[in-house]
Amino acid sequence: MNEIEIVLQLKEDSNEAFDEIYARYSKRLYVYCLQYVKSKEDTEEIVQDTFTKVWTNRHSIAHAESIGAFIFKIAKNQIINKYRQRVNSFSFEEYVNYYNEEKYSVCDTTNIIEYDDFRKVLKKALTTLTRTQQKVIKCCKLDNLSIRETAKTLKLQEQTVKNALSSGLKTLRGVLKGEVLYLLFILLNNLKI
């Protein structure tokens, strides 16, 4: 079967077509994901989630779209989500608190330098935001306050806080675009997860 026939059958709910797609792409997808997440367990989870999404979204695959491109696009998003989960995890908070309290030893010099570089880049990126956006992001993301608590602290409407947070994060993503994955890579490789 060629790829077009497989996609057409998949869109008609064919389990055989799904099995064929899995057989063709699962090993390549596993290797692709492993090079980014560096964990067999996380890689297996991403591969499983990717094929689950392929099945649940099978009706939205365009006839002209390559099934391989569709699968790897889903996997890429799963990898990014995994990075975000790690950054927002308790381990990341412990890591930040560890350095904020300056409880590091001489053998951690490399980690300190990398973390300080990260803080400098983030601090510089924050200066591109409006004053309100800076305050809101500091409260919501760095101090872990809720929208309601941030609004109360800054004496703003909750909707204003939501808008400032959304637009501020969008601006930060644009400013940091090329550096974000690099910074995440540095942080994730140094976290003890």
C-alpha atoms as a PDB file:
ATOM      1  CA  MET A   1       0.000   0.000   0.000  1.00  0.00           C
ATOM      2  CA  ASN A   2       1.216   3.474  -0.766  1.00  0.00           C
ATOM      3  CA  GLU A   3       0.924   6.318   1.716  1.00  0.00           C
ATOM      4  CA  ILE A   4      -2.151   7.908   0.115  1.00  0.00           C
ATOM      5  CA  GLU A   5      -4.062   4.621   0.292  1.00  0.00           C
ATOM      6  CA  ILE A   6      -3.038   4.156   3.917  1.00  0.00           C
ATOM      7  CA  VAL A   7      -4.229   7.663   4.843  1.00  0.00           C
ATOM      8  CA  LEU A   8      -7.552   7.123   3.055  1.00  0.00           C
ATOM      9  CA  GLN A   9      -8.083   3.831   4.876  1.00  0.00           C
ATOM     10  CA  LEU A  10      -7.045   5.371   8.189  1.00  0.00           C
ATOM     11  CA  LYS A  11      -9.618   8.118   7.686  1.00  0.00           C
ATOM     12  CA  GLU A  12     -12.188   5.330   7.206  1.00  0.00           C
ATOM     13  CA  ASP A  13     -11.248   3.973  10.670  1.00  0.00           C
ATOM     14  CA  SER A  14      -9.106   1.072   9.447  1.00  0.00           C
ATOM     15  CA  ASN A  15      -7.155  -0.591  12.266  1.00  0.00           C
ATOM     16  CA  GLU A  16      -4.968  -2.308   9.685  1.00  0.00           C
ATOM     17  CA  ALA A  17      -3.953   1.050   8.201  1.00  0.00           C
ATOM     18  CA  PHE A  18      -3.145   2.335  11.686  1.00  0.00           C
ATOM     19  CA  ASP A  19      -1.046  -0.772  12.404  1.00  0.00           C
ATOM     20  CA  GLU A  20       0.805  -0.261   9.115  1.00  0.00           C
ATOM     21  CA  ILE A  21       1.537   3.391   9.983  1.00  0.00           C
ATOM     22  CA  TYR A  22       2.746   2.346  13.432  1.00  0.00           C
ATOM     23  CA  ALA A  23       5.023  -0.308  11.931  1.00  0.00           C
ATOM     24  CA  ARG A  24       6.489   2.184   9.437  1.00  0.00           C
ATOM     25  CA  TYR A  25       7.067   5.118  11.798  1.00  0.00           C
ATOM     26  CA  SER A  26       7.310   4.000  15.438  1.00  0.00           C
ATOM     27  CA  LYS A  27      11.037   3.150  15.459  1.00  0.00           C
ATOM     28  CA  ARG A  28      12.057   6.319  13.611  1.00  0.00           C
ATOM     29  CA  LEU A  29       9.838   8.370  15.897  1.00  0.00           C
ATOM     30  CA  TYR A  30      11.368   6.747  18.982  1.00  0.00           C
ATOM     31  CA  VAL A  31      14.918   7.621  17.850  1.00  0.00           C
ATOM     32  CA  TYR A  32      13.847  11.169  16.932  1.00  0.00           C
ATOM     33  CA  CYS A  33      12.251  11.775  20.352  1.00  0.00           C
ATOM     34  CA  LEU A  34      15.039  10.132  22.343  1.00  0.00           C
ATOM     35  CA  GLN A  35      17.640  12.530  20.963  1.00  0.00           C
ATOM     36  CA  TYR A  36      15.701  15.432  22.517  1.00  0.00           C
ATOM     37  CA  VAL A  37      14.265  14.112  25.776  1.00  0.00           C
ATOM     38  CA  LYS A  38      17.146  11.770  26.732  1.00  0.00           C
ATOM     39  CA  SER A  39      14.841   9.499  28.743  1.00  0.00           C
ATOM     40  CA  LYS A  40      13.532   6.130  27.581  1.00  0.00           C
ATOM     41  CA  GLU A  41      10.402   6.443  29.713  1.00  0.00           C
ATOM     42  CA  ASP A  42       9.574   9.943  28.444  1.00  0.00           C
ATOM     43  CA  THR A  43      10.321   8.873  24.861  1.00  0.00           C
ATOM     44  CA  GLU A  44       8.002   5.875  25.138  1.00  0.00           C
ATOM     45  CA  GLU A  45       5.291   8.120  26.574  1.00  0.00           C
ATOM     46  CA  ILE A  46       5.689  10.668  23.760  1.00  0.00           C
ATOM     47  CA  VAL A  47       5.575   7.945  21.076  1.00  0.00           C
ATOM     48  CA  GLN A  48       2.450   6.453  22.640  1.00  0.00           C
ATOM     49  CA  ASP A  49       0.777   9.868  22.963  1.00  0.00           C
ATOM     50  CA  THR A  50       1.719  10.723  19.384  1.00  0.00           C
ATOM     51  CA  PHE A  51       0.081   7.625  17.934  1.00  0.00           C
ATOM     52  CA  THR A  52      -2.951   8.156  20.170  1.00  0.00           C
ATOM     53  CA  LYS A  53      -3.278  11.648  18.696  1.00  0.00           C
ATOM     54  CA  VAL A  54      -2.821  10.270  15.175  1.00  0.00           C
ATOM     55  CA  TRP A  55      -5.772   7.952  15.770  1.00  0.00           C
ATOM     56  CA  THR A  56      -8.000  10.559  17.429  1.00  0.00           C
ATOM     57  CA  ASN A  57      -7.191  13.164  14.736  1.00  0.00           C
ATOM     58  CA  ARG A  58      -7.229  10.779  11.763  1.00  0.00           C
ATOM     59  CA  HIS A  59     -10.194  12.524  10.153  1.00  0.00           C
ATOM     60  CA  SER A  60      -8.356  15.854  10.048  1.00  0.00           C
ATOM     61  CA  ILE A  61      -5.378  14.570   8.029  1.00  0.00           C
ATOM     62  CA  ALA A  62      -5.306  16.317   4.663  1.00  0.00           C
ATOM     63  CA  HIS A  63      -5.171  13.999   1.647  1.00  0.00           C
ATOM     64  CA  ALA A  64      -2.119  15.807   0.291  1.00  0.00           C
ATOM     65  CA  GLU A  65      -0.327  15.823   3.652  1.00  0.00           C
ATOM     66  CA  SER A  66       2.380  13.276   4.289  1.00  0.00           C
ATOM     67  CA  ILE A  67       1.445  10.998   7.179  1.00  0.00           C
ATOM     68  CA  GLY A  68       5.089  11.105   8.261  1.00  0.00           C
ATOM     69  CA  ALA A  69       5.066  14.902   8.444  1.00  0.00           C
ATOM     70  CA  PHE A  70       1.778  14.750  10.371  1.00  0.00           C
ATOM     71  CA  ILE A  71       3.227  12.266  12.893  1.00  0.00           C
ATOM     72  CA  PHE A  72       6.476  14.165  13.429  1.00  0.00           C
ATOM     73  CA  LYS A  73       4.620  17.470  13.816  1.00  0.00           C
ATOM     74  CA  ILE A  74       2.566  15.930  16.637  1.00  0.00           C
ATOM     75  CA  ALA A  75       5.716  14.471  18.221  1.00  0.00           C
ATOM     76  CA  LYS A  76       7.498  17.831  18.073  1.00  0.00           C
ATOM     77  CA  ASN A  77       4.621  19.423  19.976  1.00  0.00           C
ATOM     78  CA  GLN A  78       4.713  16.574  22.516  1.00  0.00           C
ATOM     79  CA  ILE A  79       8.451  17.153  23.059  1.00  0.00           C
ATOM     80  CA  ILE A  80       7.901  20.879  23.601  1.00  0.00           C
ATOM     81  CA  ASN A  81       5.115  20.091  26.072  1.00  0.00           C
ATOM     82  CA  LYS A  82       7.462  17.722  27.922  1.00  0.00           C
ATOM     83  CA  TYR A  83      10.065  20.507  28.233  1.00  0.00           C
ATOM     84  CA  ARG A  84       7.402  22.867  29.558  1.00  0.00           C
ATOM     85  CA  GLN A  85       6.269  20.282  32.109  1.00  0.00           C
ATOM     86  CA  ARG A  86       9.816  19.898  33.359  1.00  0.00           C
ATOM     87  CA  VAL A  87      10.375  23.625  33.611  1.00  0.00           C
ATOM     88  CA  ASN A  88       7.133  24.021  35.555  1.00  0.00           C
ATOM     89  CA  SER A  89       7.793  20.985  37.740  1.00  0.00           C
ATOM     90  CA  PHE A  90       8.645  20.975  41.418  1.00  0.00           C
ATOM     91  CA  SER A  91      12.214  19.937  40.548  1.00  0.00           C
ATOM     92  CA  PHE A  92      12.689  23.170  38.593  1.00  0.00           C
ATOM     93  CA  GLU A  93      11.380  25.189  41.535  1.00  0.00           C
ATOM     94  CA  GLU A  94      13.810  23.374  43.830  1.00  0.00           C
ATOM     95  CA  TYR A  95      16.617  24.141  41.398  1.00  0.00           C
ATOM     96  CA  VAL A  96      15.773  27.852  41.359  1.00  0.00           C
ATOM     97  CA  ASN A  97      15.384  27.980  45.146  1.00  0.00           C
ATOM     98  CA  TYR A  98      18.681  26.150  45.581  1.00  0.00           C
ATOM     99  CA  TYR A  99      20.571  28.854  43.728  1.00  0.00           C
ATOM    100  CA  ASN A 100      18.541  31.742  45.129  1.00  0.00           C
ATOM    101  CA  GLU A 101      19.557  30.635  48.616  1.00  0.00           C
ATOM    102  CA  GLU A 102      23.196  30.408  47.452  1.00  0.00           C
ATOM    103  CA  LYS A 103      23.663  26.879  48.818  1.00  0.00           C
ATOM    104  CA  TYR A 104      26.025  25.711  46.129  1.00  0.00           C
ATOM    105  CA  SER A 105      29.455  24.156  46.342  1.00  0.00           C
ATOM    106  CA  VAL A 106      32.643  24.594  44.323  1.00  0.00           C
ATOM    107  CA  CYS A 107      31.860  21.540  42.163  1.00  0.00           C
ATOM    108  CA  ASP A 108      28.688  23.255  40.918  1.00  0.00           C
ATOM    109  CA  THR A 109      30.550  26.134  39.239  1.00  0.00           C
ATOM    110  CA  THR A 110      29.420  25.168  35.727  1.00  0.00           C
ATOM    111  CA  ASN A 111      25.787  24.961  36.803  1.00  0.00           C
ATOM    112  CA  ILE A 112      26.040  28.335  38.521  1.00  0.00           C
ATOM    113  CA  ILE A 113      27.490  29.986  35.414  1.00  0.00           C
ATOM    114  CA  GLU A 114      24.821  28.446  33.167  1.00  0.00           C
ATOM    115  CA  TYR A 115      22.052  29.427  35.567  1.00  0.00           C
ATOM    116  CA  ASP A 116      23.416  32.976  35.863  1.00  0.00           C
ATOM    117  CA  ASP A 117      23.560  33.206  32.061  1.00  0.00           C
ATOM    118  CA  PHE A 118      19.938  32.087  31.928  1.00  0.00           C
ATOM    119  CA  ARG A 119      18.927  34.714  34.496  1.00  0.00           C
ATOM    120  CA  LYS A 120      20.757  37.462  32.586  1.00  0.00           C
ATOM    121  CA  VAL A 121      19.089  36.574  29.277  1.00  0.00           C
ATOM    122  CA  LEU A 122      15.678  36.394  30.950  1.00  0.00           C
ATOM    123  CA  LYS A 123      16.236  39.684  32.803  1.00  0.00           C
ATOM    124  CA  LYS A 124      17.232  41.417  29.571  1.00  0.00           C
ATOM    125  CA  ALA A 125      14.197  39.969  27.780  1.00  0.00           C
ATOM    126  CA  LEU A 126      11.917  41.224  30.567  1.00  0.00           C
ATOM    127  CA  THR A 127      13.084  44.804  29.918  1.00  0.00           C
ATOM    128  CA  THR A 128      11.391  44.643  26.504  1.00  0.00           C
ATOM    129  CA  LEU A 129       7.991  44.447  28.227  1.00  0.00           C
ATOM    130  CA  THR A 130       5.818  47.242  29.501  1.00  0.00           C
ATOM    131  CA  ARG A 131       6.043  48.018  33.208  1.00  0.00           C
ATOM    132  CA  THR A 132       2.661  46.378  33.862  1.00  0.00           C
ATOM    133  CA  GLN A 133       3.626  43.237  31.931  1.00  0.00           C
ATOM    134  CA  GLN A 134       6.888  42.999  33.897  1.00  0.00           C
ATOM    135  CA  LYS A 135       5.067  43.275  37.229  1.00  0.00           C
ATOM    136  CA  VAL A 136       2.391  40.772  36.208  1.00  0.00           C
ATOM    137  CA  ILE A 137       4.902  38.193  34.938  1.00  0.00           C
ATOM    138  CA  LYS A 138       6.999  38.605  38.078  1.00  0.00           C
ATOM    139  CA  CYS A 139       3.951  38.003  40.287  1.00  0.00           C
ATOM    140  CA  CYS A 140       2.363  35.190  38.265  1.00  0.00           C
ATOM    141  CA  LYS A 141       5.381  33.299  36.992  1.00  0.00           C
ATOM    142  CA  LEU A 142       8.238  34.067  39.359  1.00  0.00           C
ATOM    143  CA  ASP A 143       6.320  34.503  42.625  1.00  0.00           C
ATOM    144  CA  ASN A 144       3.645  31.909  41.683  1.00  0.00           C
ATOM    145  CA  LEU A 145       0.698  34.148  42.569  1.00  0.00           C
ATOM    146  CA  SER A 146      -2.702  33.438  41.067  1.00  0.00           C
ATOM    147  CA  ILE A 147      -4.410  35.886  38.708  1.00  0.00           C
ATOM    148  CA  ARG A 148      -6.656  37.009  41.574  1.00  0.00           C
ATOM    149  CA  GLU A 149      -3.711  37.457  44.003  1.00  0.00           C
ATOM    150  CA  THR A 150      -1.731  39.336  41.361  1.00  0.00           C
ATOM    151  CA  ALA A 151      -4.670  41.642  40.645  1.00  0.00           C
ATOM    152  CA  LYS A 152      -5.063  42.364  44.344  1.00  0.00           C
ATOM    153  CA  THR A 153      -1.322  42.912  44.878  1.00  0.00           C
ATOM    154  CA  LEU A 154      -0.951  45.244  41.888  1.00  0.00           C
ATOM    155  CA  LYS A 155      -4.368  46.878  42.344  1.00  0.00           C
ATOM    156  CA  LEU A 156      -5.476  45.909  38.830  1.00  0.00           C
ATOM    157  CA  GLN A 157      -8.563  44.284  37.363  1.00  0.00           C
ATOM    158  CA  GLU A 158      -8.277  40.510  36.880  1.00  0.00           C
ATOM    159  CA  GLN A 159      -8.886  40.910  33.138  1.00  0.00           C
ATOM    160  CA  THR A 160      -6.038  43.443  32.955  1.00  0.00           C
ATOM    161  CA  VAL A 161      -3.754  40.911  34.639  1.00  0.00           C
ATOM    162  CA  LYS A 162      -4.819  38.178  32.193  1.00  0.00           C
ATOM    163  CA  ASN A 163      -4.250  40.463  29.212  1.00  0.00           C
ATOM    164  CA  ALA A 164      -0.849  41.668  30.462  1.00  0.00           C
ATOM    165  CA  LEU A 165       0.248  38.098  31.205  1.00  0.00           C
ATOM    166  CA  SER A 166      -0.825  36.820  27.794  1.00  0.00           C
ATOM    167  CA  SER A 167       0.722  39.677  25.795  1.00  0.00           C
ATOM    168  CA  GLY A 168       3.862  39.703  27.949  1.00  0.00           C
ATOM    169  CA  LEU A 169       4.493  35.995  27.482  1.00  0.00           C
ATOM    170  CA  LYS A 170       3.872  36.334  23.750  1.00  0.00           C
ATOM    171  CA  THR A 171       6.459  39.134  23.573  1.00  0.00           C
ATOM    172  CA  LEU A 172       8.950  37.089  25.596  1.00  0.00           C
ATOM    173  CA  ARG A 173       8.534  34.113  23.277  1.00  0.00           C
ATOM    174  CA  GLY A 174       9.296  36.410  20.335  1.00  0.00           C
ATOM    175  CA  VAL A 175      12.334  37.992  21.988  1.00  0.00           C
ATOM    176  CA  LEU A 176      13.769  34.688  23.201  1.00  0.00           C
ATOM    177  CA  LYS A 177      12.697  32.545  20.238  1.00  0.00           C
ATOM    178  CA  GLY A 178      16.093  31.116  19.308  1.00  0.00           C
ATOM    179  CA  GLU A 179      17.427  31.033  22.829  1.00  0.00           C
ATOM    180  CA  VAL A 180      14.517  29.388  24.620  1.00  0.00           C
ATOM    181  CA  LEU A 181      15.203  25.818  23.513  1.00  0.00           C
ATOM    182  CA  TYR A 182      18.891  26.298  24.216  1.00  0.00           C
ATOM    183  CA  LEU A 183      18.162  27.620  27.694  1.00  0.00           C
ATOM    184  CA  LEU A 184      15.710  24.795  28.355  1.00  0.00           C
ATOM    185  CA  PHE A 185      18.306  22.303  27.160  1.00  0.00           C
ATOM    186  CA  ILE A 186      20.896  23.718  29.579  1.00  0.00           C
ATOM    187  CA  LEU A 187      18.469  23.681  32.473  1.00  0.00           C
ATOM    188  CA  LEU A 188      17.062  20.235  31.781  1.00  0.00           C
ATOM    189  CA  ASN A 189      20.481  18.654  31.412  1.00  0.00           C
ATOM    190  CA  ASN A 190      21.500  19.982  34.816  1.00  0.00           C
ATOM    191  CA  LEU A 191      18.338  19.131  36.727  1.00  0.00           C
ATOM    192  CA  LYS A 192      18.303  16.000  38.828  1.00  0.00           C
ATOM    193  CA  ILE A 193      14.931  14.610  37.744  1.00  0.00           C
END
